[in-house]
Each structure stands twice: as structure tokens, then as C-alpha cells.
Amino acid sequence: MLENNRSGPVAAVSASGRAPKVLRCADVHGVRCDTEWTAPTVRELVAAAMDHGMAEHGFTAVYYNGPRMTAIRHAVIDS
């Protein structure tokens, strides 16, 4: 389950026993934005970042090239 957290990451442990992963918009889009997400998988976080970047910041699919996608995946942290 993906959570959008503006006030901070959720520290709960998922059903699998692993801490959820965290991604912050400002860490991957280079814009001033307080949005961050938590989810059990990197894949869900990357999808959320792309959706948010296109909807809220005007990025296009071209922005999300191979090197940028790698950088987004590397920005994911464990909470």
C-alpha cells in the first residue's frame, strides 16, 4: 500500500516484517516540494514519483530517461 506523507515518513513495519521504503519528491525532482511517499516496494515509489512529477511539476515522460530512473531508484531509503 502506497502512502503519501507530507508530515514525515511512516515508521510502521509492513506485514512482511520489513520497514517500508521512503522517497521524497525534492530528492528526485530537484524542485522545492514537501511530498514524500512510503511503500513496501521501490517499484511503487518510482511509479508514484513519476505520476506526481508529471501531474504536479509538469515533467514529461521524456524527463524520466534511463539515468534518471536509476537515480530515482537510488534515492529510495528504508524508513
Protein backbone atom coordinates (compact mmCIF):
# COMPACT_ATOMS: atom_id res chain seq x y z
CA MET A 1 0.00 0.00 0.00
CA LEU A 2 1.36 3.41 -1.01
CA GLU A 3 1.08 6.27 1.43
CA ASN A 4 1.54 9.95 0.68
CA ASN A 5 3.03 11.64 3.74
CA ARG A 6 3.55 15.36 3.96
CA SER A 7 4.49 15.46 7.64
CA GLY A 8 7.03 12.67 7.71
CA PRO A 9 7.59 9.03 6.92
CA VAL A 10 5.53 6.28 8.45
CA ALA A 11 7.70 4.17 10.72
CA ALA A 12 5.41 1.14 10.84
CA VAL A 13 6.72 -2.22 9.79
CA SER A 14 4.93 -3.89 6.91
CA ALA A 15 3.24 -7.28 7.12
CA SER A 16 6.39 -8.84 5.66
CA GLY A 17 8.36 -7.66 8.69
CA ARG A 18 10.35 -5.12 6.69
CA ALA A 19 10.25 -1.39 7.20
CA PRO A 20 8.52 0.45 4.36
CA LYS A 21 10.65 2.34 1.87
CA VAL A 22 10.57 6.15 1.66
CA LEU A 23 11.03 8.51 -1.28
CA ARG A 24 10.98 12.31 -1.16
CA CYS A 25 9.98 14.41 -4.14
CA ALA A 26 12.66 17.03 -3.52
CA ASP A 27 15.33 14.31 -3.61
CA VAL A 28 14.39 13.16 -7.11
CA HIS A 29 12.88 16.12 -8.93
CA GLY A 30 15.16 18.99 -7.96
CA VAL A 31 12.21 21.20 -7.02
CA ARG A 32 11.07 22.54 -3.69
CA CYS A 33 8.33 20.10 -2.66
CA ASP A 34 7.50 18.52 0.71
CA THR A 35 5.73 15.48 -0.71
CA GLU A 36 7.08 12.10 0.27
CA TRP A 37 5.80 8.58 -0.09
CA THR A 38 6.15 5.30 1.75
CA ALA A 39 5.52 1.92 0.17
CA PRO A 40 6.73 -1.65 0.56
CA THR A 41 8.50 -1.69 -2.82
CA VAL A 42 10.81 0.52 -4.83
CA ARG A 43 8.65 -0.07 -7.90
CA GLU A 44 5.61 1.52 -6.24
CA LEU A 45 7.65 4.51 -5.11
CA VAL A 46 9.14 5.12 -8.53
CA ALA A 47 5.67 4.97 -10.11
CA ALA A 48 4.34 7.43 -7.53
CA ALA A 49 7.24 9.81 -8.14
CA MET A 50 6.66 9.72 -11.89
CA ASP A 51 2.91 10.29 -11.55
CA HIS A 52 3.48 13.16 -9.12
CA GLY A 53 6.23 14.73 -11.22
CA MET A 54 4.06 14.79 -14.31
CA ALA A 55 0.86 15.91 -12.56
CA GLU A 56 2.30 18.46 -10.12
CA HIS A 57 5.53 19.70 -11.66
CA GLY A 58 4.89 19.40 -15.40
CA PHE A 59 7.58 16.84 -16.22
CA THR A 60 7.00 14.68 -19.29
CA ALA A 61 7.75 11.02 -19.95
CA VAL A 62 10.95 12.13 -21.75
CA TYR A 63 12.25 13.53 -18.43
CA TYR A 64 12.23 10.00 -16.98
CA ASN A 65 15.06 8.57 -19.08
CA GLY A 66 17.23 5.60 -18.07
CA PRO A 67 19.81 7.50 -15.98
CA ARG A 68 17.09 9.49 -14.20
CA MET A 69 15.14 6.33 -13.37
CA THR A 70 18.31 4.82 -11.90
CA ALA A 71 18.84 7.95 -9.81
CA ILE A 72 15.24 7.80 -8.53
CA ARG A 73 15.65 4.16 -7.53
CA HIS A 74 18.86 5.03 -5.67
CA ALA A 75 17.10 7.83 -3.76
CA VAL A 76 14.75 5.34 -2.06
CA ILE A 77 15.60 4.81 1.60
CA ASP A 78 14.40 2.46 4.30
CA SER A 79 12.38 4.20 6.99
